[in-house]
Each structure stands twice: as structure tokens, then as C-alpha cells.
Amino acid sequence: MKSYDPAFALDHLRFKYYKTLARRIAAKAGHLEKPLTDKKLIASLRAEIDRLSFKFRSVFDSSRSYYIILDRDMNVVDFNRASFFFVKRLFGKRMVIGDHILDFLHPSSAKMITENCQRAFAGEKVILERKIIYTDKVTTWWQFEFTPATNLKGRIKGLVFNANDITKRKAYEENIRMHQEKLVDISAMQSHEIRGPVCTIMGLMSLIKEGNHTSDKEYLRLMEISTDLLDKNIHEIVDLANNE
């Protein structure tokens, strides 16, 4: 699972900064004293825009994680391919820049998303896990990250929302937990249910030895009961281990 890289948001903001600057220079180019130099500057800025755009999109769109950049009004500023196709597949909607983030999330997540967006806008990075049950009754686990996004002056202008499907990881963790519980059960059985019959047999053997190795039927009956119980417990342990 990929973690959030702050360079995503930073490069995106740089891209917007250079693009805006290039437009302003181009609009005033006719009034500048050195149009040839200005044209070179514009070309240089456009080349930088292309470089940042390529870097940003190549990393942003190659990720399997779902990334959405939001402004302070929780409107969509940008998103990667994974997010676009996920929203389209799940909700039948096409995400467009300027749309509100809550239009593309499960209703049960609206309050959680809103509260944590506000925390990110206040400067806090939030990471949490949630279980979500969709309309088709399929249960999934998700990890959400809300990371403040700043401009070149360090001011928080929005956030990067990142979501990862961790259902498989949660299933693996649950399998480990159940495995550990079985080990605890086996340990308890070994400590109590097996040691008890063994101690009984050992005690009866001591009594037989004290009687010059002669024993009555009662001793033999008790030994048989303890042996049968020990055999039963051993089989239960084997069955429990085979069910792992």
C-alpha cells in the first residue's frame, strides 16, 4: 500500500502557479519593452509547466490508491484515474473538477469525511480506518488519509484526500487473530485438561508401588478412566490443530 507523498500536492500547486504566471505574462506581452525576451520567458515557463504536469500526472495516475485534492470548500480541485473510475463504477457518476466531494461518497461516510476535512484544514494530518457496507451488502474496510495541502507560502489552501481498500489486509489480520486464539486454547488444554489425568495416573502408580506393585480393581478402574480422558484430550488437540 502506497502512503501519501506531499510532493503530489506541492507539484500540483507549482503547476497552477506557473500556469497562472504564464497567462499573466502572455496577456501583457504586447505592452512589455522586450517582447523577444518575454517570449523566451513564456516558452521557458510553458516548458516548466509541461515538465511538472508530466511528473505530477505520471505519479498521480499510476497509483492504485484513490487521491482527490480538495479546496477549503471541499470542492474537487483534481483527482487521479483510480478515483475517477472507482466513482464511475460504484455510483455511476463522472467526477468533474469543481464538484463537491460528498457527491461521490457513500452517505454513511458524509459526517466522518466532513469532520476530518475540517481537522485537516486546521493543520492536522488524519489517518483512520472504517468499515463500510455498500448497498449490495458487501462489507469492505477502508483506510482514509486527510493531509493539509499548502501553497508556496505555506498557507493551507486545501487538502489531499487518500483512500485505500484494506479489506484483504483486515481479513488477514482476522485470520491471525483466530489462529492466536486457537493456540491459546491448545495451551489451556495442555495445562489443565491433559495435566489432570496425567497427575491422576502418576498418583495411582505411586499407590501401586507403595503396595508392593499389587493393585486392586478400583485402582485399575481409575487408571482406565484417566487414560481414556487423556486419549480424548489428545484427539481434541489434534483435531484443533488440523483445523488451522
Foldseek 3Di string as FASTA:
>chain_A
DDDDDLVLLALVLVLVVLVVVLVVLVVCLVVDPDNVVSVVVSVVSVVVSVVSVCVNQVVQQVDLKWKFWAFLVQFTQDTYPNNQVVQCVQVVDGDDGGHHPVVRDDPVCVVVVVVVQVVQLVPDKDWDKDWDQDPVRDIWIKIWIWHFRAHPVRHGGTTMIIMDTCRVVVVVVVVVVVVVVLVVVLVVCVVPQQVVLVVLLVVLVVVCVVVVNDDDPVSVVSNVVSVVSNVVSVVVNVVSVVVD
